Structures are given as C-alpha cells and as structure tokens.
Amino acid sequence: MRVLLVGNHWTEGPGGAETVLVLTADLLRAAGHEVVPFAVAEERTLPTPVRSSLPGAAGAGARTRFGEAWAGVWSPAAYRALARVVDEVRPDVAHVHHVFERLTLSVLDALQRRGVPTVMTLHDYKPVCPNFRLFTEGAPCTRCLSGGSWQVVRHRCLEGSRWRSVAAAVDSYAARARGVYDRVDRFVAPSGFLRDRVVEGGLPADRVEVLPNPVVAAPSPRTAPADPPAVLYASRLVAEKGVDTLLDAAARLPAGVRVRLAGSGRLERAVRARVAAEELPVDVLGPLAPDRVAAELRAAAVAVLPALWWENCPMAVLEAAAHGVPVVASAVGGVPELVDDGTTGLLVPPGDADALSGALTRLLSDPAGAGRLGRAGWARVRSRHDPTAHVAALQEVYRRVAR
C-alpha cells in the first residue's frame, strides 16, 4: 500500500506528534508499505523524497498581526503543494497527523477533492477547541464544547493574543461550516479520554477509534539509576505542563537530589531566572536530541510529568516506561490509561506541589520499590504499546477506509 504521511514537522522530536509521525513511517516501511512523507520544508527536516515548498514559518511575509494569524488558518501554498504530490504519487491512503497552523486544514481539502481516503491522528483537542488544549487561564476548560468557539476570543485563549484568538475562532467555525472534518474517513484517538472529549464536542463516535501511541521499548529495563539521584522532566517548558508546580516541589526534595529539565518553551527564560534566584536544585538542560533524552532517562531515578492540562497519550510517560524508569505524573486526561497508580508509577493531583514532592520522595527513598514500578511499567508498554501490534491495527484502519 502506498501511504501518504502528512504532518507539519518531519523531525526527530522534540514533540510527541513529531516522534509518533516519524516512528509510524519507520513501522510502515518495515511492514512493506511505501511511505511518501509530506511536511513543511525547514532546516531540521529529515531527508525525504517529497516536501512542500512552504516557508519555514506560518505567516512569513504577512504584513499585519491578523495577516500572520490568518496564515495559520488556511494555506494556499500547502494546498497547491499537496495537490501536486497527490497527482504525482497517487497514494492509496493518506494519514494526516498534526497540520494545524503550518500546513493547515487546507491539506484535507486537497485530499478530499482528489478522492484520497484519509485517516487523521488527533494529537490534541483542536477539532473541538480552538486553542488545542481545552485549557485556559490556568485550568482545564470546556467552554467551547458547549458555548461555541467564540469563547476563545472572549478569553484570549491563544497566548493572550486577540488577533490569534479571532483567527482561531474563525478557523473553527469555518471548518465546521465547510464540513472539513467530514472529509476524514477515520480519526485515530491515542487515548480513550481524548476520544470522549472530541465526540462530546461533535465528532461522530463511529468514526473515532482508540489506538494508543506506540513506543520502542529497550531490550530490558535499566538495572539501576545513577548516583546521586536525579528526577527527569522531559517535555516542553510551558504553563500547562505544570513546570511551576515542579519547581515548587523541587525545593522540598531530599538533599542531594537534582531535578533535570530537558526541553524548551515559552517559560524557559522565566524558569532559568527562578532557579537562579531561589537557588533551586534544578538543572535546565534545554532541548536535547532523542539519544540524549534516552541517556538522561537511563540515568534518572524517577521521571515526572506534573501536567495541569488534560494530556492525551504523552510520549514522555511512554518513553520513560520503555526504559524501565518509574513515573510520577498528574492524574489528568489520558495519563491514568498509561500509569497504574502504585503498580507502574504514582499518580498525584494536578497542581499539588506537596503531593508531587511526597510521591517523588517516596520513590527516591525506596529504590527497590521504585525498581519494581519501573519494571512493571516496562512490561506494560511492551504489551500495550508494542510497535508491531500498533502497525497491524493501523493497517486494518487503512484497509477499511481504502475499500
């Protein structure tokens, strides 16, 4: 089968959507399929036979703030580029991943007008929430599920920007009015939680199925963490990820424990300033290549994800478990589908620094118990997130829509 894989970034991370996209390509090729990648051409894009000719940033050349925001809603350049690729390679099926704000939903128009059966993996809540996250003003939010997409304008949910929020609201209403999501034959939801929310927001239940993200597990769980012990956070430095809660908890950990932050984001400068001002036991590593993240995981005593928003199927949890590292995470969104509290890791209430520091201290002070959780997590991802089983299920989805 010839599969056209479409996503904003054809890169090795750092985001979960990019990781899943590239891994999916590798798995499909190993299963004997022909994979045609289509992504924004940018400096860090992996070598591919086909790329779009888009500029490296949405809105490049736009003369106004609204023009820049609108460029992330519908892209004529992406439409034309993908249309040319479809005419050239004639795929049996297209699998669309995260395309919002860069390639935009224009790609669905191009695929539909050429009759290409289409599968779309949902990495966030964008079809029912203009700001992707069902999170605003520091807390989970479902206003748009019941009150309409103009709620995003009222609350300036796109980084506090009025124009970006207006553009996002218009994009959401236009997508519904034009039936853009009706052009997707099947949606893949990596968690049951996400599936329930997008169905609640209007996507048809019979076209949304759950298929958890795959992860390549290490041949065996790591034997012991490095000394002195470290807690690893490997994700974006943004408010919804609970970074401030983690910094609060870091100050309460046992002496000698370091918290290591692998990632970048809007809060990086503020995090560095706070760490320095409060002399916190925190190392801000910045963004790391996948092999460096894996090395940090193997050395860590515990991995942590203190999210405030409703995470979907976070690769940060799966990748830690894949190395046999126990996880302490917030009990939000799809996370409880990945972490069995007390069996493969520990779950804590979101935003509770005392509970977070207590759970981390519990594992740090009991290496044997932490090791049991890590080994159980490793066994769990090998059985429930096995790449071979994942691609077999994905192939069945392709076959159904391509009939």
Protein backbone atom coordinates (compact mmCIF):
# COMPACT_ATOMS: atom_id res chain seq x y z
CA MET A 1 0.00 0.00 0.00
CA ARG A 2 1.25 3.50 -0.82
CA VAL A 3 0.71 5.72 2.24
CA LEU A 4 0.98 9.49 2.16
CA LEU A 5 2.01 10.66 5.63
CA VAL A 6 1.25 14.33 6.27
CA GLY A 7 2.44 16.44 9.20
CA ASN A 8 3.89 19.85 9.96
CA HIS A 9 7.33 18.66 11.02
CA TRP A 10 9.28 15.69 9.71
CA THR A 11 11.82 15.72 12.52
CA GLU A 12 13.15 13.54 15.32
CA GLY A 13 11.22 15.30 18.08
CA PRO A 14 11.21 17.20 20.24
CA GLY A 15 7.41 16.98 20.31
CA GLY A 16 5.33 13.85 20.74
CA ALA A 17 3.45 14.41 17.46
CA GLU A 18 6.70 14.51 15.51
CA THR A 19 8.03 11.43 17.32
CA VAL A 20 4.89 9.44 16.51
CA LEU A 21 4.83 10.61 12.87
CA VAL A 22 8.41 9.54 12.13
CA LEU A 23 8.03 6.28 14.08
CA THR A 24 4.86 5.49 12.14
CA ALA A 25 6.77 5.93 8.88
CA ASP A 26 9.50 3.56 10.06
CA LEU A 27 6.98 0.94 11.16
CA LEU A 28 5.02 1.11 7.90
CA ARG A 29 8.18 0.74 5.83
CA ALA A 30 9.25 -2.26 7.92
CA ALA A 31 5.82 -3.80 7.23
CA GLY A 32 6.42 -3.48 3.49
CA HIS A 33 4.46 -0.34 2.67
CA GLU A 34 5.65 2.55 0.52
CA VAL A 35 5.67 5.74 2.57
CA VAL A 36 5.54 9.19 1.00
CA PRO A 37 6.23 11.94 3.59
CA PHE A 38 4.84 15.45 3.18
CA ALA A 39 5.91 18.18 5.60
CA VAL A 40 7.00 21.79 5.86
CA ALA A 41 10.48 22.24 4.44
CA GLU A 42 12.71 23.57 7.20
CA GLU A 43 16.33 23.31 8.22
CA ARG A 44 15.88 20.40 10.61
CA THR A 45 13.56 18.36 8.36
CA LEU A 46 14.79 14.80 7.90
CA PRO A 47 15.71 13.79 4.33
CA THR A 48 12.52 12.90 2.42
CA PRO A 49 11.69 12.31 -1.24
CA VAL A 50 8.88 14.88 -1.18
CA ARG A 51 8.44 18.13 0.74
CA SER A 52 6.18 21.09 0.45
CA SER A 53 7.68 24.35 -0.72
CA LEU A 54 6.30 26.32 2.20
CA PRO A 55 8.37 28.89 4.06
CA GLY A 56 9.76 27.85 7.41
CA ALA A 57 7.20 29.81 9.44
CA ALA A 58 3.47 30.22 9.09
CA GLY A 59 2.65 33.77 8.12
CA ALA A 60 6.07 34.57 6.67
CA GLY A 61 5.66 37.72 4.67
CA ALA A 62 2.39 38.72 6.34
CA ARG A 63 2.24 42.48 6.88
CA THR A 64 -0.17 42.62 9.82
CA ARG A 65 -0.72 40.70 13.04
CA PHE A 66 -4.07 39.50 11.72
CA GLY A 67 -2.48 38.52 8.40
CA GLU A 68 0.10 36.48 10.26
CA ALA A 69 -2.60 34.83 12.36
CA TRP A 70 -4.76 34.14 9.30
CA ALA A 71 -1.86 32.46 7.51
CA GLY A 72 -2.14 29.70 10.10
CA VAL A 73 -5.78 29.05 9.21
CA TRP A 74 -5.71 28.07 5.52
CA SER A 75 -2.62 27.83 3.34
CA PRO A 76 -2.94 28.11 -0.47
CA ALA A 77 0.73 27.11 -0.75
CA ALA A 78 0.17 23.90 1.21
CA TYR A 79 -2.97 23.12 -0.80
CA ARG A 80 -1.18 23.50 -4.12
CA ALA A 81 1.92 21.62 -3.00
CA LEU A 82 -0.03 18.66 -1.66
CA ALA A 83 -2.27 18.57 -4.72
CA ARG A 84 0.84 18.25 -6.89
CA VAL A 85 2.19 15.44 -4.71
CA VAL A 86 -1.12 13.54 -4.81
CA ASP A 87 -1.29 13.86 -8.60
CA GLU A 88 2.28 12.60 -8.85
CA VAL A 89 2.31 9.66 -6.44
CA ARG A 90 -1.41 8.66 -6.34
CA PRO A 91 -1.48 7.32 -2.78
CA ASP A 92 -3.84 4.54 -1.69
CA VAL A 93 -4.47 6.32 1.60
CA ALA A 94 -3.38 9.50 3.38
CA HIS A 95 -2.60 9.57 7.08
CA VAL A 96 -2.70 13.11 8.43
CA HIS A 97 -1.10 13.99 11.75
CA HIS A 98 -0.66 17.47 13.26
CA VAL A 99 -1.11 20.03 10.48
CA PHE A 100 -2.71 22.97 12.30
CA GLU A 101 -1.18 26.47 11.96
CA ARG A 102 1.50 25.38 9.46
CA LEU A 103 0.22 23.14 6.66
CA THR A 104 -3.32 23.91 7.96
CA LEU A 105 -6.58 22.14 7.19
CA SER A 106 -6.08 23.09 3.54
CA VAL A 107 -4.47 19.67 3.19
CA LEU A 108 -7.81 17.98 3.92
CA ASP A 109 -9.39 19.98 1.09
CA ALA A 110 -6.66 18.86 -1.29
CA LEU A 111 -7.07 15.22 -0.32
CA GLN A 112 -10.86 15.26 -0.47
CA ARG A 113 -11.02 16.92 -3.88
CA ARG A 114 -8.77 14.20 -5.25
CA GLY A 115 -10.68 11.40 -3.63
CA VAL A 116 -7.89 10.16 -1.36
CA PRO A 117 -9.15 8.06 1.59
CA THR A 118 -7.99 9.87 4.72
CA VAL A 119 -7.11 8.87 8.28
CA MET A 120 -6.28 11.55 10.86
CA THR A 121 -4.50 11.01 14.16
CA LEU A 122 -5.55 13.51 16.81
CA HIS A 123 -2.64 14.63 18.97
CA ASP A 124 -4.75 17.23 20.81
CA TYR A 125 -8.27 18.64 21.01
CA LYS A 126 -8.10 21.08 18.10
CA PRO A 127 -11.24 19.85 16.26
CA VAL A 128 -13.33 20.90 19.28
CA CYS A 129 -11.09 23.52 20.94
CA PRO A 130 -9.56 26.44 19.01
CA ASN A 131 -6.56 26.61 21.36
CA PHE A 132 -5.86 22.85 21.07
CA ARG A 133 -5.65 22.12 24.79
CA LEU A 134 -9.05 22.54 26.49
CA PHE A 135 -7.02 24.63 28.90
CA THR A 136 -7.01 28.35 29.55
CA GLU A 137 -6.50 30.78 32.42
CA GLY A 138 -4.52 28.14 34.27
CA ALA A 139 -7.13 25.38 34.32
CA PRO A 140 -8.90 22.82 32.11
CA CYS A 141 -11.76 24.39 30.18
CA THR A 142 -14.74 23.02 28.26
CA ARG A 143 -16.42 26.33 27.33
CA CYS A 144 -16.10 25.72 23.60
CA LEU A 145 -17.72 22.28 23.89
CA SER A 146 -20.97 23.88 24.98
CA GLY A 147 -20.69 27.63 24.43
CA GLY A 148 -19.26 27.86 20.93
CA SER A 149 -15.80 28.71 19.60
CA TRP A 150 -16.18 32.46 20.20
CA GLN A 151 -15.34 31.72 23.82
CA VAL A 152 -11.71 31.67 22.68
CA VAL A 153 -11.98 35.36 21.73
CA ARG A 154 -13.62 36.36 24.98
CA HIS A 155 -10.84 34.73 26.98
CA ARG A 156 -7.98 35.38 24.51
CA CYS A 157 -7.04 31.73 24.71
CA LEU A 158 -4.30 31.90 22.04
CA GLU A 159 -1.35 33.16 24.10
CA GLY A 160 -3.37 36.23 25.16
CA SER A 161 -3.46 37.49 21.58
CA ARG A 162 -6.74 39.00 20.39
CA TRP A 163 -5.92 38.55 16.70
CA ARG A 164 -4.70 34.97 17.03
CA SER A 165 -7.79 34.17 19.08
CA VAL A 166 -10.10 35.75 16.47
CA ALA A 167 -8.35 33.83 13.70
CA ALA A 168 -8.63 30.59 15.66
CA ALA A 169 -12.34 31.14 16.28
CA VAL A 170 -12.97 31.91 12.60
CA ASP A 171 -10.94 28.84 11.65
CA SER A 172 -13.04 26.67 13.94
CA TYR A 173 -16.36 28.00 12.69
CA ALA A 174 -15.26 27.83 9.07
CA ALA A 175 -14.07 24.24 9.45
CA ARG A 176 -17.45 23.23 10.81
CA ALA A 177 -19.41 25.24 8.24
CA ARG A 178 -17.42 23.76 5.36
CA GLY A 179 -17.59 20.26 6.82
CA VAL A 180 -13.81 19.91 6.78
CA TYR A 181 -13.77 17.12 9.33
CA ASP A 182 -16.44 15.27 7.33
CA ARG A 183 -13.65 14.72 4.82
CA VAL A 184 -11.79 12.48 7.25
CA ASP A 185 -12.82 8.85 6.88
CA ARG A 186 -11.44 7.76 10.26
CA PHE A 187 -9.98 9.55 13.27
CA VAL A 188 -7.42 7.86 15.50
CA ALA A 189 -7.52 8.92 19.15
CA PRO A 190 -4.44 7.84 21.14
CA SER A 191 -6.45 7.81 24.38
CA GLY A 192 -9.98 6.99 25.40
CA PHE A 193 -10.14 10.31 27.24
CA LEU A 194 -9.42 12.31 24.08
CA ARG A 195 -11.93 10.24 22.13
CA ASP A 196 -14.66 11.01 24.65
CA ARG A 197 -13.93 14.75 24.57
CA VAL A 198 -13.91 15.09 20.77
CA VAL A 199 -17.10 13.05 20.49
CA GLU A 200 -18.65 15.28 23.15
CA GLY A 201 -17.58 18.23 21.01
CA GLY A 202 -19.28 16.90 17.88
CA LEU A 203 -17.10 14.40 16.03
CA PRO A 204 -19.10 11.28 15.07
CA ALA A 205 -18.46 8.43 17.52
CA ASP A 206 -18.49 5.79 14.79
CA ARG A 207 -15.53 7.44 13.05
CA VAL A 208 -13.26 7.88 16.09
CA GLU A 209 -11.37 4.87 17.38
CA VAL A 210 -8.76 4.50 20.09
CA LEU A 211 -5.27 3.37 19.16
CA PRO A 212 -2.62 4.25 21.77
CA ASN A 213 0.73 5.62 20.64
CA PRO A 214 3.46 3.05 20.06
CA VAL A 215 6.87 3.12 21.71
CA VAL A 216 10.02 1.08 21.12
CA ALA A 217 10.93 -0.45 24.47
CA ALA A 218 14.52 -1.08 25.48
CA PRO A 219 15.55 -4.77 25.29
CA SER A 220 15.45 -4.87 29.08
CA PRO A 221 14.61 -2.39 31.85
CA ARG A 222 17.56 -0.42 33.13
CA THR A 223 19.16 -2.01 36.20
CA ALA A 224 19.88 0.96 38.46
CA PRO A 225 19.84 4.76 38.26
CA ALA A 226 22.92 6.91 38.50
CA ASP A 227 24.19 8.29 41.79
CA PRO A 228 23.46 10.95 43.02
CA PRO A 229 19.74 10.51 42.23
CA ALA A 230 18.01 12.72 39.70
CA VAL A 231 14.41 13.41 38.72
CA LEU A 232 13.95 13.91 34.97
CA TYR A 233 11.34 16.11 33.33
CA ALA A 234 11.48 15.68 29.54
CA SER A 235 8.81 17.86 27.98
CA ARG A 236 8.05 21.44 26.96
CA LEU A 237 8.58 24.29 29.40
CA VAL A 238 5.07 25.71 29.24
CA ALA A 239 2.49 26.58 31.88
CA GLU A 240 0.06 23.77 31.12
CA LYS A 241 2.76 21.18 31.76
CA GLY A 242 2.93 22.16 35.44
CA VAL A 243 6.51 23.41 35.39
CA ASP A 244 5.91 25.87 38.23
CA THR A 245 4.46 23.08 40.37
CA LEU A 246 7.59 21.04 39.71
CA LEU A 247 9.84 23.91 40.75
CA ASP A 248 7.82 24.29 43.95
CA ALA A 249 8.23 20.57 44.62
CA ALA A 250 11.96 20.63 43.80
CA ALA A 251 12.63 22.86 46.80
CA ARG A 252 11.10 20.19 49.09
CA LEU A 253 13.02 17.13 47.85
CA PRO A 254 15.70 15.38 49.93
CA ALA A 255 19.14 16.97 49.97
CA GLY A 256 21.36 15.91 47.09
CA VAL A 257 18.54 15.22 44.62
CA ARG A 258 18.68 17.15 41.36
CA VAL A 259 15.73 17.87 39.08
CA ARG A 260 16.80 17.93 35.43
CA LEU A 261 14.65 19.71 32.84
CA ALA A 262 15.09 18.53 29.25
CA GLY A 263 13.11 20.75 26.92
CA SER A 264 12.39 24.30 25.85
CA GLY A 265 9.36 26.53 25.58
CA ARG A 266 7.79 29.85 26.48
CA LEU A 267 8.76 29.59 30.15
CA GLU A 268 12.42 28.72 29.67
CA ARG A 269 13.76 32.19 30.45
CA ALA A 270 11.47 32.55 33.49
CA VAL A 271 12.43 29.07 34.72
CA ARG A 272 16.15 29.83 34.47
CA ALA A 273 15.62 33.11 36.35
CA ARG A 274 13.64 31.46 39.12
CA VAL A 275 16.13 28.60 39.51
CA ALA A 276 18.95 31.11 39.89
CA ALA A 277 17.06 33.48 42.20
CA GLU A 278 15.85 30.73 44.55
CA GLU A 279 18.96 28.55 44.20
CA LEU A 280 16.81 25.55 43.41
CA PRO A 281 18.39 22.09 42.87
CA VAL A 282 17.40 22.20 39.21
CA ASP A 283 19.46 21.80 36.02
CA VAL A 284 17.91 23.42 32.93
CA LEU A 285 19.33 21.40 30.05
CA GLY A 286 17.43 22.96 27.16
CA PRO A 287 16.20 20.87 24.21
CA LEU A 288 18.03 17.57 23.78
CA ALA A 289 18.34 15.16 20.85
CA PRO A 290 16.47 11.87 21.29
CA ASP A 291 19.64 9.92 22.13
CA ARG A 292 20.50 12.43 24.85
CA VAL A 293 17.00 12.18 26.31
CA ALA A 294 17.33 8.39 26.35
CA ALA A 295 20.65 8.68 28.19
CA GLU A 296 19.09 11.03 30.74
CA LEU A 297 16.22 8.59 31.24
CA ARG A 298 18.52 5.64 31.84
CA ALA A 299 20.34 7.65 34.50
CA ALA A 300 17.27 9.08 36.23
CA ALA A 301 15.83 7.65 39.42
CA VAL A 302 12.33 8.88 38.52
CA ALA A 303 10.63 10.56 35.56
CA VAL A 304 8.00 13.20 36.22
CA LEU A 305 5.12 14.79 34.30
CA PRO A 306 3.22 17.24 36.56
CA ALA A 307 0.75 18.38 33.90
CA LEU A 308 -2.17 20.69 34.61
CA TRP A 309 -3.93 20.21 31.27
CA TRP A 310 -5.67 17.05 30.07
CA GLU A 311 -2.76 15.23 28.49
CA ASN A 312 -3.63 12.87 25.64
CA CYS A 313 -1.16 9.97 25.41
CA PRO A 314 2.12 11.66 26.40
CA MET A 315 5.25 10.16 24.90
CA ALA A 316 7.19 11.44 27.93
CA VAL A 317 5.43 8.80 30.05
CA LEU A 318 5.76 6.03 27.45
CA GLU A 319 9.44 6.70 26.78
CA ALA A 320 10.27 6.64 30.49
CA ALA A 321 8.43 3.35 30.94
CA ALA A 322 10.16 1.98 27.84
CA HIS A 323 13.46 2.24 29.73
CA GLY A 324 12.06 0.85 32.98
CA VAL A 325 12.02 4.22 34.75
CA PRO A 326 9.17 4.72 37.24
CA VAL A 327 6.91 7.69 36.54
CA VAL A 328 5.24 10.20 38.84
CA ALA A 329 2.54 12.03 36.90
CA SER A 330 -0.61 14.07 37.35
CA ALA A 331 -3.88 12.14 37.23
CA VAL A 332 -5.19 14.10 34.23
CA GLY A 333 -6.64 13.28 30.83
CA GLY A 334 -5.29 10.08 29.32
CA VAL A 335 -2.43 9.68 31.82
CA PRO A 336 -4.30 7.19 34.06
CA GLU A 337 -4.64 5.00 30.96
CA LEU A 338 -0.82 4.76 30.90
CA VAL A 339 0.09 4.70 34.59
CA ASP A 340 -1.41 2.21 37.04
CA ASP A 341 -1.16 4.07 40.33
CA GLY A 342 1.00 2.08 42.72
CA THR A 343 1.81 -0.59 40.12
CA THR A 344 3.72 1.06 37.26
CA GLY A 345 4.10 4.53 38.78
CA LEU A 346 2.40 7.05 41.04
CA LEU A 347 -0.41 9.49 40.23
CA VAL A 348 -0.88 12.79 42.04
CA PRO A 349 -3.46 15.59 41.87
CA PRO A 350 -2.53 18.30 39.35
CA GLY A 351 -1.05 21.49 40.78
CA ASP A 352 -0.34 19.97 44.21
CA ALA A 353 3.36 20.55 44.95
CA ASP A 354 3.12 18.81 48.33
CA ALA A 355 1.65 15.67 46.79
CA LEU A 356 4.20 15.78 43.98
CA SER A 357 7.20 16.16 46.26
CA GLY A 358 5.80 13.47 48.54
CA ALA A 359 5.42 10.97 45.69
CA LEU A 360 8.89 11.73 44.35
CA THR A 361 10.41 11.41 47.83
CA ARG A 362 8.64 8.10 48.35
CA LEU A 363 10.29 6.59 45.26
CA LEU A 364 13.66 8.25 45.88
CA SER A 365 13.77 6.80 49.39
CA ASP A 366 12.78 3.29 48.25
CA PRO A 367 15.00 2.25 45.32
CA ALA A 368 13.78 -1.35 45.45
CA GLY A 369 10.14 -0.29 45.28
CA ALA A 370 10.90 2.20 42.52
CA GLY A 371 12.64 -0.57 40.61
CA ARG A 372 9.55 -2.79 40.83
CA LEU A 373 7.37 0.00 39.46
CA GLY A 374 9.83 0.65 36.65
CA ARG A 375 9.97 -3.00 35.61
CA ALA A 376 6.18 -3.24 35.69
CA GLY A 377 5.91 -0.13 33.53
CA TRP A 378 8.41 -1.59 31.05
CA ALA A 379 6.39 -4.82 30.82
CA ARG A 380 3.20 -2.82 30.34
CA VAL A 381 4.43 -0.77 27.38
CA ARG A 382 5.85 -3.90 25.73
CA SER A 383 2.39 -5.46 25.78
CA ARG A 384 0.10 -2.45 25.28
CA HIS A 385 2.20 -0.15 23.11
CA ASP A 386 4.07 -2.70 21.01
CA PRO A 387 5.01 -1.19 17.63
CA THR A 388 4.25 -4.37 15.68
CA ALA A 389 0.75 -4.62 17.12
CA HIS A 390 0.25 -0.89 16.55
CA VAL A 391 1.10 -1.02 12.87
CA ALA A 392 -1.08 -4.11 12.39
CA ALA A 393 -4.04 -2.21 13.83
CA LEU A 394 -3.20 0.83 11.73
CA GLN A 395 -3.04 -1.27 8.58
CA GLU A 396 -6.54 -2.56 9.33
CA VAL A 397 -7.78 1.04 9.62
CA TYR A 398 -6.18 1.83 6.26
CA ARG A 399 -7.80 -1.19 4.62
CA ARG A 400 -11.26 -0.26 5.86
CA VAL A 401 -11.11 3.33 4.57
CA ALA A 402 -9.43 2.39 1.28
CA ARG A 403 -12.14 -0.06 0.21
